[in-house]
Amino acid sequence: MPVTVEDLERAIRAAFPVSHLDIEDQSSGCGSSYAILLVSEVFEGKTTLARHRLINQALKQEISQLHAFSQKSFTPAQYAAHQAKSG
Protein backbone atom coordinates (compact mmCIF):
# COMPACT_ATOMS: atom_id res chain seq x y z
CA MET A 1 0.00 0.00 0.00
CA PRO A 2 1.53 3.35 -1.00
CA VAL A 3 2.33 6.02 1.56
CA THR A 4 -0.08 8.96 1.42
CA VAL A 5 0.36 12.62 2.33
CA GLU A 6 -2.00 11.96 5.24
CA ASP A 7 0.20 9.08 6.49
CA LEU A 8 3.28 11.31 6.49
CA GLU A 9 1.46 14.22 8.09
CA ARG A 10 0.06 12.02 10.85
CA ALA A 11 3.48 10.54 11.64
CA ILE A 12 5.23 13.94 11.59
CA ARG A 13 2.64 15.63 13.81
CA ALA A 14 2.81 12.72 16.27
CA ALA A 15 6.60 13.03 16.53
CA PHE A 16 7.23 16.80 16.44
CA PRO A 17 5.67 20.05 17.62
CA VAL A 18 4.97 21.50 14.17
CA SER A 19 5.03 25.24 13.45
CA HIS A 20 4.75 24.75 9.68
CA LEU A 21 4.63 21.69 7.42
CA ASP A 22 4.62 21.31 3.64
CA ILE A 23 4.42 17.87 2.08
CA GLU A 24 4.77 17.52 -1.68
CA ASP A 25 4.04 14.31 -3.55
CA GLN A 26 6.67 14.37 -6.29
CA SER A 27 5.57 11.08 -7.82
CA SER A 28 2.51 12.30 -9.74
CA GLY A 29 0.19 10.74 -7.21
CA CYS A 30 1.59 7.22 -6.92
CA GLY A 31 3.00 7.84 -3.44
CA SER A 32 6.60 6.78 -4.00
CA SER A 33 8.42 10.11 -3.76
CA TYR A 34 7.90 12.94 -1.28
CA ALA A 35 9.57 16.18 -0.27
CA ILE A 36 8.83 17.76 3.08
CA LEU A 37 9.56 21.11 4.68
CA LEU A 38 9.22 20.94 8.47
CA VAL A 39 9.48 23.86 10.87
CA SER A 40 9.75 23.01 14.56
CA GLU A 41 11.29 24.45 17.70
CA VAL A 42 12.71 21.00 18.45
CA PHE A 43 15.42 21.79 15.88
CA GLU A 44 16.89 24.64 17.95
CA GLY A 45 20.62 24.08 18.48
CA LYS A 46 20.75 20.99 16.25
CA THR A 47 22.85 20.59 13.13
CA THR A 48 21.23 19.80 9.79
CA LEU A 49 22.47 16.22 10.08
CA ALA A 50 20.99 15.83 13.57
CA ARG A 51 17.65 17.22 12.33
CA HIS A 52 17.58 14.83 9.40
CA ARG A 53 18.38 11.91 11.67
CA LEU A 54 15.48 12.85 13.95
CA ILE A 55 13.09 13.03 11.00
CA ASN A 56 14.41 9.81 9.45
CA GLN A 57 13.98 7.97 12.76
CA ALA A 58 10.44 9.29 13.26
CA LEU A 59 9.45 8.34 9.70
CA LYS A 60 11.43 5.10 9.49
CA GLN A 61 8.43 2.94 8.59
CA GLU A 62 7.08 5.37 5.98
CA ILE A 63 10.48 6.08 4.38
CA SER A 64 11.15 2.35 3.99
CA GLN A 65 8.20 2.20 1.59
CA LEU A 66 9.31 5.15 -0.56
CA HIS A 67 11.51 5.36 -3.63
CA ALA A 68 12.69 8.90 -2.77
CA PHE A 69 12.39 11.23 0.22
CA SER A 70 13.85 14.70 0.62
CA GLN A 71 13.58 17.02 3.56
CA LYS A 72 14.23 20.57 4.66
CA SER A 73 14.07 21.43 8.33
CA PHE A 74 14.07 24.84 9.97
CA THR A 75 13.59 26.43 13.36
CA PRO A 76 10.79 29.02 13.39
CA ALA A 77 13.35 31.87 13.28
CA GLN A 78 15.24 30.27 10.39
CA TYR A 79 12.01 29.74 8.48
CA ALA A 80 11.00 33.39 8.97
CA ALA A 81 14.40 34.47 7.58
CA HIS A 82 14.04 31.98 4.69
CA GLN A 83 10.59 33.37 3.87
CA ALA A 84 11.90 36.95 3.98
CA LYS A 85 14.67 36.07 1.48
CA SER A 86 12.25 34.19 -0.80
CA GLY A 87 9.96 37.15 -1.11
PDB file of N, CA and C in Angstrom:
ATOM      1  N   MET A   1       0.843  -1.178   0.000  1.00  0.00           N
ATOM      2  CA  MET A   1       0.000   0.000   0.000  1.00  0.00           C
ATOM      3  C   MET A   1       0.887   1.240   0.000  1.00  0.00           C
ATOM      4  N   PRO A   2       0.670   2.165  -0.932  1.00  0.00           N
ATOM      5  CA  PRO A   2       1.527   3.351  -1.001  1.00  0.00           C
ATOM      6  C   PRO A   2       1.335   4.273   0.204  1.00  0.00           C
ATOM      7  N   VAL A   3       2.369   5.024   0.489  1.00  0.00           N
ATOM      8  CA  VAL A   3       2.326   6.021   1.558  1.00  0.00           C
ATOM      9  C   VAL A   3       1.579   7.248   1.024  1.00  0.00           C
ATOM     10  N   THR A   4       0.684   7.779   1.833  1.00  0.00           N
ATOM     11  CA  THR A   4      -0.077   8.963   1.421  1.00  0.00           C
ATOM     12  C   THR A   4       0.441  10.204   2.154  1.00  0.00           C
ATOM     13  N   VAL A   5       0.048  11.358   1.653  1.00  0.00           N
ATOM     14  CA  VAL A   5       0.364  12.623   2.326  1.00  0.00           C
ATOM     15  C   VAL A   5      -0.179  12.579   3.753  1.00  0.00           C
ATOM     16  N   GLU A   6      -1.371  12.038   3.916  1.00  0.00           N
ATOM     17  CA  GLU A   6      -1.996  11.956   5.235  1.00  0.00           C
ATOM     18  C   GLU A   6      -1.183  11.075   6.181  1.00  0.00           C
ATOM     19  N   ASP A   7      -0.640   9.962   5.672  1.00  0.00           N
ATOM     20  CA  ASP A   7       0.203   9.081   6.490  1.00  0.00           C
ATOM     21  C   ASP A   7       1.427   9.836   6.999  1.00  0.00           C
ATOM     22  N   LEU A   8       2.090  10.547   6.097  1.00  0.00           N
ATOM     23  CA  LEU A   8       3.277  11.310   6.486  1.00  0.00           C
ATOM     24  C   LEU A   8       2.924  12.413   7.472  1.00  0.00           C
ATOM     25  N   GLU A   9       1.843  13.135   7.198  1.00  0.00           N
ATOM     26  CA  GLU A   9       1.462  14.224   8.088  1.00  0.00           C
ATOM     27  C   GLU A   9       1.137  13.704   9.488  1.00  0.00           C
ATOM     28  N   ARG A  10       0.414  12.609   9.568  1.00  0.00           N
ATOM     29  CA  ARG A  10       0.055  12.025  10.855  1.00  0.00           C
ATOM     30  C   ARG A  10       1.314  11.639  11.635  1.00  0.00           C
ATOM     31  N   ALA A  11       2.250  10.985  10.979  1.00  0.00           N
ATOM     32  CA  ALA A  11       3.483  10.541  11.644  1.00  0.00           C
ATOM     33  C   ALA A  11       4.335  11.729  12.096  1.00  0.00           C
ATOM     34  N   ILE A  12       4.430  12.750  11.254  1.00  0.00           N
ATOM     35  CA  ILE A  12       5.231  13.938  11.593  1.00  0.00           C
ATOM     36  C   ILE A  12       4.608  14.675  12.770  1.00  0.00           C
ATOM     37  N   ARG A  13       3.308  14.891  12.722  1.00  0.00           N
ATOM     38  CA  ARG A  13       2.643  15.632  13.806  1.00  0.00           C
ATOM     39  C   ARG A  13       2.663  14.854  15.117  1.00  0.00           C
ATOM     40  N   ALA A  14       2.714  13.532  15.053  1.00  0.00           N
ATOM     41  CA  ALA A  14       2.805  12.722  16.269  1.00  0.00           C
ATOM     42  C   ALA A  14       4.202  12.803  16.888  1.00  0.00           C
ATOM     43  N   ALA A  15       5.209  13.059  16.062  1.00  0.00           N
ATOM     44  CA  ALA A  15       6.596  13.031  16.530  1.00  0.00           C
ATOM     45  C   ALA A  15       7.175  14.396  16.881  1.00  0.00           C
ATOM     46  N   PHE A  16       6.635  15.470  16.289  1.00  0.00           N
ATOM     47  CA  PHE A  16       7.232  16.799  16.441  1.00  0.00           C
ATOM     48  C   PHE A  16       6.173  17.857  16.730  1.00  0.00           C
ATOM     49  N   PRO A  17       6.545  18.872  17.529  1.00  0.00           N
ATOM     50  CA  PRO A  17       5.671  20.050  17.620  1.00  0.00           C
ATOM     51  C   PRO A  17       5.868  20.857  16.329  1.00  0.00           C
ATOM     52  N   VAL A  18       4.856  20.932  15.510  1.00  0.00           N
ATOM     53  CA  VAL A  18       4.967  21.502  14.170  1.00  0.00           C
ATOM     54  C   VAL A  18       4.508  22.958  14.153  1.00  0.00           C
ATOM     55  N   SER A  19       5.401  23.840  13.674  1.00  0.00           N
ATOM     56  CA  SER A  19       5.033  25.240  13.445  1.00  0.00           C
ATOM     57  C   SER A  19       4.532  25.429  12.016  1.00  0.00           C
ATOM     58  N   HIS A  20       5.129  24.686  11.092  1.00  0.00           N
ATOM     59  CA  HIS A  20       4.748  24.748   9.680  1.00  0.00           C
ATOM     60  C   HIS A  20       5.155  23.433   9.025  1.00  0.00           C
ATOM     61  N   LEU A  21       4.328  22.946   8.109  1.00  0.00           N
ATOM     62  CA  LEU A  21       4.625  21.693   7.425  1.00  0.00           C
ATOM     63  C   LEU A  21       4.111  21.760   5.994  1.00  0.00           C
ATOM     64  N   ASP A  22       4.991  21.484   5.046  1.00  0.00           N
ATOM     65  CA  ASP A  22       4.615  21.311   3.641  1.00  0.00           C
ATOM     66  C   ASP A  22       5.030  19.908   3.241  1.00  0.00           C
ATOM     67  N   ILE A  23       4.127  19.189   2.605  1.00  0.00           N
ATOM     68  CA  ILE A  23       4.423  17.867   2.078  1.00  0.00           C
ATOM     69  C   ILE A  23       4.049  17.880   0.607  1.00  0.00           C
ATOM     70  N   GLU A  24       5.002  17.530  -0.236  1.00  0.00           N
ATOM     71  CA  GLU A  24       4.766  17.523  -1.681  1.00  0.00           C
ATOM     72  C   GLU A  24       4.975  16.121  -2.230  1.00  0.00           C
ATOM     73  N   ASP A  25       3.927  15.591  -2.867  1.00  0.00           N
ATOM     74  CA  ASP A  25       4.036  14.307  -3.554  1.00  0.00           C
ATOM     75  C   ASP A  25       4.697  14.577  -4.899  1.00  0.00           C
ATOM     76  N   GLN A  26       5.922  14.126  -5.059  1.00  0.00           N
ATOM     77  CA  GLN A  26       6.672  14.374  -6.291  1.00  0.00           C
ATOM     78  C   GLN A  26       6.598  13.199  -7.265  1.00  0.00           C
ATOM     79  N   SER A  27       5.664  12.282  -7.000  1.00  0.00           N
ATOM     80  CA  SER A  27       5.573  11.077  -7.821  1.00  0.00           C
ATOM     81  C   SER A  27       4.320  11.053  -8.687  1.00  0.00           C
ATOM     82  N   SER A  28       3.728  12.205  -8.923  1.00  0.00           N
ATOM     83  CA  SER A  28       2.514  12.305  -9.742  1.00  0.00           C
ATOM     84  C   SER A  28       1.370  11.481  -9.173  1.00  0.00           C
ATOM     85  N   GLY A  29       1.314  11.395  -7.852  1.00  0.00           N
ATOM     86  CA  GLY A  29       0.186  10.742  -7.207  1.00  0.00           C
ATOM     87  C   GLY A  29       0.345   9.283  -6.865  1.00  0.00           C
ATOM     88  N   CYS A  30       1.456   8.655  -7.219  1.00  0.00           N
ATOM     89  CA  CYS A  30       1.590   7.222  -6.920  1.00  0.00           C
ATOM     90  C   CYS A  30       2.136   6.960  -5.520  1.00  0.00           C
ATOM     91  N   GLY A  31       2.584   7.991  -4.825  1.00  0.00           N
ATOM     92  CA  GLY A  31       3.000   7.839  -3.441  1.00  0.00           C
ATOM     93  C   GLY A  31       4.363   7.220  -3.221  1.00  0.00           C
ATOM     94  N   SER A  32       5.272   7.382  -4.175  1.00  0.00           N
ATOM     95  CA  SER A  32       6.598   6.776  -4.002  1.00  0.00           C
ATOM     96  C   SER A  32       7.713   7.789  -3.783  1.00  0.00           C
ATOM     97  N   SER A  33       7.398   9.079  -3.891  1.00  0.00           N
ATOM     98  CA  SER A  33       8.422  10.111  -3.755  1.00  0.00           C
ATOM     99  C   SER A  33       7.816  11.362  -3.122  1.00  0.00           C
ATOM    100  N   TYR A  34       8.401  11.774  -1.995  1.00  0.00           N
ATOM    101  CA  TYR A  34       7.897  12.943  -1.281  1.00  0.00           C
ATOM    102  C   TYR A  34       9.024  13.886  -0.906  1.00  0.00           C
ATOM    103  N   ALA A  35       8.676  15.157  -0.815  1.00  0.00           N
ATOM    104  CA  ALA A  35       9.572  16.178  -0.275  1.00  0.00           C
ATOM    105  C   ALA A  35       8.803  16.860   0.851  1.00  0.00           C
ATOM    106  N   ILE A  36       9.484  17.063   1.977  1.00  0.00           N
ATOM    107  CA  ILE A  36       8.833  17.760   3.082  1.00  0.00           C
ATOM    108  C   ILE A  36       9.647  18.984   3.487  1.00  0.00           C
ATOM    109  N   LEU A  37       8.945  19.958   4.032  1.00  0.00           N
ATOM    110  CA  LEU A  37       9.559  21.106   4.676  1.00  0.00           C
ATOM    111  C   LEU A  37       8.907  21.158   6.053  1.00  0.00           C
ATOM    112  N   LEU A  38       9.726  21.008   7.098  1.00  0.00           N
ATOM    113  CA  LEU A  38       9.223  20.942   8.469  1.00  0.00           C
ATOM    114  C   LEU A  38       9.868  22.036   9.307  1.00  0.00           C
ATOM    115  N   VAL A  39       9.021  22.806   9.976  1.00  0.00           N
ATOM    116  CA  VAL A  39       9.484  23.857  10.874  1.00  0.00           C
ATOM    117  C   VAL A  39       9.060  23.465  12.289  1.00  0.00           C
ATOM    118  N   SER A  40      10.046  23.404  13.185  1.00  0.00           N
ATOM    119  CA  SER A  40       9.751  23.011  14.561  1.00  0.00           C
ATOM    120  C   SER A  40      10.791  23.584  15.509  1.00  0.00           C
ATOM    121  N   GLU A  41      10.353  23.952  16.703  1.00  0.00           N
ATOM    122  CA  GLU A  41      11.291  24.455  17.704  1.00  0.00           C
ATOM    123  C   GLU A  41      12.214  23.363  18.225  1.00  0.00           C
ATOM    124  N   VAL A  42      11.866  22.109  18.000  1.00  0.00           N
ATOM    125  CA  VAL A  42      12.712  21.004  18.455  1.00  0.00           C
ATOM    126  C   VAL A  42      14.077  21.008  17.744  1.00  0.00           C
ATOM    127  N   PHE A  43      14.173  21.722  16.636  1.00  0.00           N
ATOM    128  CA  PHE A  43      15.424  21.787  15.879  1.00  0.00           C
ATOM    129  C   PHE A  43      16.411  22.830  16.399  1.00  0.00           C
ATOM    130  N   GLU A  44      15.995  23.630  17.369  1.00  0.00           N
ATOM    131  CA  GLU A  44      16.888  24.640  17.949  1.00  0.00           C
ATOM    132  C   GLU A  44      18.180  23.997  18.438  1.00  0.00           C
ATOM    133  N   GLY A  45      19.315  24.547  18.015  1.00  0.00           N
ATOM    134  CA  GLY A  45      20.616  24.075  18.480  1.00  0.00           C
ATOM    135  C   GLY A  45      21.103  22.783  17.855  1.00  0.00           C
ATOM    136  N   LYS A  46      20.355  22.246  16.896  1.00  0.00           N
ATOM    137  CA  LYS A  46      20.751  20.990  16.250  1.00  0.00           C
ATOM    138  C   LYS A  46      21.316  21.268  14.859  1.00  0.00           C
ATOM    139  N   THR A  47      22.292  20.480  14.473  1.00  0.00           N
ATOM    140  CA  THR A  47      22.852  20.588  13.129  1.00  0.00           C
ATOM    141  C   THR A  47      21.858  20.038  12.108  1.00  0.00           C
ATOM    142  N   THR A  48      22.091  20.334  10.861  1.00  0.00           N
ATOM    143  CA  THR A  48      21.231  19.801   9.793  1.00  0.00           C
ATOM    144  C   THR A  48      21.223  18.277   9.839  1.00  0.00           C
ATOM    145  N   LEU A  49      22.390  17.680  10.020  1.00  0.00           N
ATOM    146  CA  LEU A  49      22.472  16.217  10.078  1.00  0.00           C
ATOM    147  C   LEU A  49      21.654  15.667  11.243  1.00  0.00           C
ATOM    148  N   ALA A  50      21.751  16.284  12.402  1.00  0.00           N
ATOM    149  CA  ALA A  50      20.988  15.827  13.568  1.00  0.00           C
ATOM    150  C   ALA A  50      19.484  15.958  13.322  1.00  0.00           C
ATOM    151  N   ARG A  51      19.075  17.025  12.664  1.00  0.00           N
ATOM    152  CA  ARG A  51      17.654  17.217  12.333  1.00  0.00           C
ATOM    153  C   ARG A  51      17.172  16.122  11.395  1.00  0.00           C
ATOM    154  N   HIS A  52      17.963  15.857  10.369  1.00  0.00           N
ATOM    155  CA  HIS A  52      17.577  14.833   9.398  1.00  0.00           C
ATOM    156  C   HIS A  52      17.507  13.461  10.052  1.00  0.00           C
ATOM    157  N   ARG A  53      18.423  13.189  10.954  1.00  0.00           N
ATOM    158  CA  ARG A  53      18.382  11.908  11.669  1.00  0.00           C
ATOM    159  C   ARG A  53      17.115  11.787  12.507  1.00  0.00           C
ATOM    160  N   LEU A  54      16.720  12.871  13.169  1.00  0.00           N
ATOM    161  CA  LEU A  54      15.476  12.853  13.950  1.00  0.00           C
ATOM    162  C   LEU A  54      14.272  12.553  13.057  1.00  0.00           C
ATOM    163  N   ILE A  55      14.209  13.226  11.924  1.00  0.00           N
ATOM    164  CA  ILE A  55      13.093  13.028  10.999  1.00  0.00           C
ATOM    165  C   ILE A  55      13.125  11.609  10.439  1.00  0.00           C
ATOM    166  N   ASN A  56      14.294  11.152  10.010  1.00  0.00           N
ATOM    167  CA  ASN A  56      14.409   9.805   9.455  1.00  0.00           C
ATOM    168  C   ASN A  56      13.983   8.747  10.466  1.00  0.00           C
ATOM    169  N   GLN A  57      14.356   8.927  11.724  1.00  0.00           N
ATOM    170  CA  GLN A  57      13.980   7.973  12.761  1.00  0.00           C
ATOM    171  C   GLN A  57      12.464   7.988  12.977  1.00  0.00           C
ATOM    172  N   ALA A  58      11.885   9.175  13.036  1.00  0.00           N
ATOM    173  CA  ALA A  58      10.437   9.293  13.264  1.00  0.00           C
ATOM    174  C   ALA A  58       9.623   8.719  12.110  1.00  0.00           C
ATOM    175  N   LEU A  59      10.167   8.804  10.893  1.00  0.00           N
ATOM    176  CA  LEU A  59       9.446   8.338   9.696  1.00  0.00           C
ATOM    177  C   LEU A  59      10.026   7.047   9.125  1.00  0.00           C
ATOM    178  N   LYS A  60      10.726   6.307   9.949  1.00  0.00           N
ATOM    179  CA  LYS A  60      11.433   5.104   9.494  1.00  0.00           C
ATOM    180  C   LYS A  60      10.517   4.150   8.709  1.00  0.00           C
ATOM    181  N   GLN A  61       9.358   3.877   9.245  1.00  0.00           N
ATOM    182  CA  GLN A  61       8.431   2.944   8.589  1.00  0.00           C
ATOM    183  C   GLN A  61       7.952   3.489   7.248  1.00  0.00           C
ATOM    184  N   GLU A  62       7.586   4.767   7.222  1.00  0.00           N
ATOM    185  CA  GLU A  62       7.083   5.366   5.977  1.00  0.00           C
ATOM    186  C   GLU A  62       8.180   5.466   4.921  1.00  0.00           C
ATOM    187  N   ILE A  63       9.369   5.914   5.327  1.00  0.00           N
ATOM    188  CA  ILE A  63      10.479   6.078   4.381  1.00  0.00           C
ATOM    189  C   ILE A  63      10.874   4.745   3.759  1.00  0.00           C
ATOM    190  N   SER A  64      10.768   3.667   4.515  1.00  0.00           N
ATOM    191  CA  SER A  64      11.150   2.350   3.986  1.00  0.00           C
ATOM    192  C   SER A  64      10.273   1.925   2.809  1.00  0.00           C
ATOM    193  N   GLN A  65       9.118   2.540   2.671  1.00  0.00           N
ATOM    194  CA  GLN A  65       8.196   2.202   1.588  1.00  0.00           C
ATOM    195  C   GLN A  65       8.306   3.146   0.389  1.00  0.00           C
ATOM    196  N   LEU A  66       9.196   4.145   0.483  1.00  0.00           N
ATOM    197  CA  LEU A  66       9.314   5.149  -0.565  1.00  0.00           C
ATOM    198  C   LEU A  66      10.502   4.887  -1.477  1.00  0.00           C
ATOM    199  N   HIS A  67      10.393   5.393  -2.686  1.00  0.00           N
ATOM    200  CA  HIS A  67      11.512   5.364  -3.628  1.00  0.00           C
ATOM    201  C   HIS A  67      12.459   6.531  -3.358  1.00  0.00           C
ATOM    202  N   ALA A  68      11.878   7.700  -3.020  1.00  0.00           N
ATOM    203  CA  ALA A  68      12.690   8.900  -2.770  1.00  0.00           C
ATOM    204  C   ALA A  68      12.025   9.749  -1.691  1.00  0.00           C
ATOM    205  N   PHE A  69      12.874  10.367  -0.856  1.00  0.00           N
ATOM    206  CA  PHE A  69      12.389  11.226   0.222  1.00  0.00           C
ATOM    207  C   PHE A  69      13.403  12.333   0.427  1.00  0.00           C
ATOM    208  N   SER A  70      12.955  13.588   0.342  1.00  0.00           N
ATOM    209  CA  SER A  70      13.850  14.705   0.617  1.00  0.00           C
ATOM    210  C   SER A  70      13.216  15.568   1.695  1.00  0.00           C
ATOM    211  N   GLN A  71      14.074  16.242   2.434  1.00  0.00           N
ATOM    212  CA  GLN A  71      13.582  17.020   3.560  1.00  0.00           C
ATOM    213  C   GLN A  71      14.363  18.303   3.747  1.00  0.00           C
ATOM    214  N   LYS A  72      13.638  19.312   4.208  1.00  0.00           N
ATOM    215  CA  LYS A  72      14.233  20.566   4.663  1.00  0.00           C
ATOM    216  C   LYS A  72      13.665  20.802   6.045  1.00  0.00           C
ATOM    217  N   SER A  73      14.526  21.207   6.963  1.00  0.00           N
ATOM    218  CA  SER A  73      14.074  21.435   8.331  1.00  0.00           C
ATOM    219  C   SER A  73      14.609  22.772   8.827  1.00  0.00           C
ATOM    220  N   PHE A  74      13.731  23.514   9.477  1.00  0.00           N
ATOM    221  CA  PHE A  74      14.071  24.841   9.974  1.00  0.00           C
ATOM    222  C   PHE A  74      13.534  25.031  11.386  1.00  0.00           C
ATOM    223  N   THR A  75      14.187  25.916  12.136  1.00  0.00           N
ATOM    224  CA  THR A  75      13.587  26.430  13.363  1.00  0.00           C
ATOM    225  C   THR A  75      12.607  27.516  12.923  1.00  0.00           C
ATOM    226  N   PRO A  76      11.700  27.938  13.788  1.00  0.00           N
ATOM    227  CA  PRO A  76      10.787  29.021  13.386  1.00  0.00           C
ATOM    228  C   PRO A  76      11.521  30.295  12.953  1.00  0.00           C
ATOM    229  N   ALA A  77      12.596  30.664  13.652  1.00  0.00           N
ATOM    230  CA  ALA A  77      13.352  31.874  13.279  1.00  0.00           C
ATOM    231  C   ALA A  77      14.033  31.699  11.923  1.00  0.00           C
ATOM    232  N   GLN A  78      14.598  30.529  11.680  1.00  0.00           N
ATOM    233  CA  GLN A  78      15.240  30.268  10.385  1.00  0.00           C
ATOM    234  C   GLN A  78      14.214  30.289   9.253  1.00  0.00           C
ATOM    235  N   TYR A  79      13.038  29.759   9.509  1.00  0.00           N
ATOM    236  CA  TYR A  79      12.007  29.738   8.482  1.00  0.00           C
ATOM    237  C   TYR A  79      11.533  31.159   8.158  1.00  0.00           C
ATOM    238  N   ALA A  80      11.392  31.987   9.185  1.00  0.00           N
ATOM    239  CA  ALA A  80      11.004  33.387   8.969  1.00  0.00           C
ATOM    240  C   ALA A  80      12.050  34.092   8.103  1.00  0.00           C
ATOM    241  N   ALA A  81      13.325  33.855   8.374  1.00  0.00           N
ATOM    242  CA  ALA A  81      14.400  34.466   7.576  1.00  0.00           C
ATOM    243  C   ALA A  81      14.369  33.911   6.149  1.00  0.00           C
ATOM    244  N   HIS A  82      14.132  32.619   6.002  1.00  0.00           N
ATOM    245  CA  HIS A  82      14.041  31.976   4.690  1.00  0.00           C
ATOM    246  C   HIS A  82      12.888  32.577   3.878  1.00  0.00           C
ATOM    247  N   GLN A  83      11.758  32.776   4.530  1.00  0.00           N
ATOM    248  CA  GLN A  83      10.594  33.372   3.866  1.00  0.00           C
ATOM    249  C   GLN A  83      10.879  34.804   3.445  1.00  0.00           C
ATOM    250  N   ALA A  84      11.588  35.560   4.300  1.00  0.00           N
ATOM    251  CA  ALA A  84      11.901  36.950   3.983  1.00  0.00           C
ATOM    252  C   ALA A  84      12.815  37.030   2.755  1.00  0.00           C
ATOM    253  N   LYS A  85      13.762  36.111   2.636  1.00  0.00           N
ATOM    254  CA  LYS A  85      14.666  36.072   1.477  1.00  0.00           C
ATOM    255  C   LYS A  85      13.932  35.659   0.213  1.00  0.00           C
ATOM    256  N   SER A  86      12.978  34.740   0.358  1.00  0.00           N
ATOM    257  CA  SER A  86      12.254  34.190  -0.797  1.00  0.00           C
ATOM    258  C   SER A  86      11.242  35.165  -1.370  1.00  0.00           C
ATOM    259  N   GLY A  87      10.908  36.157  -0.605  1.00  0.00           N
ATOM    260  CA  GLY A  87       9.965  37.151  -1.109  1.00  0.00           C
ATOM    261  C   GLY A  87       8.653  36.932  -0.544  1.00  0.00           C
TER     262      GLY A  87
END
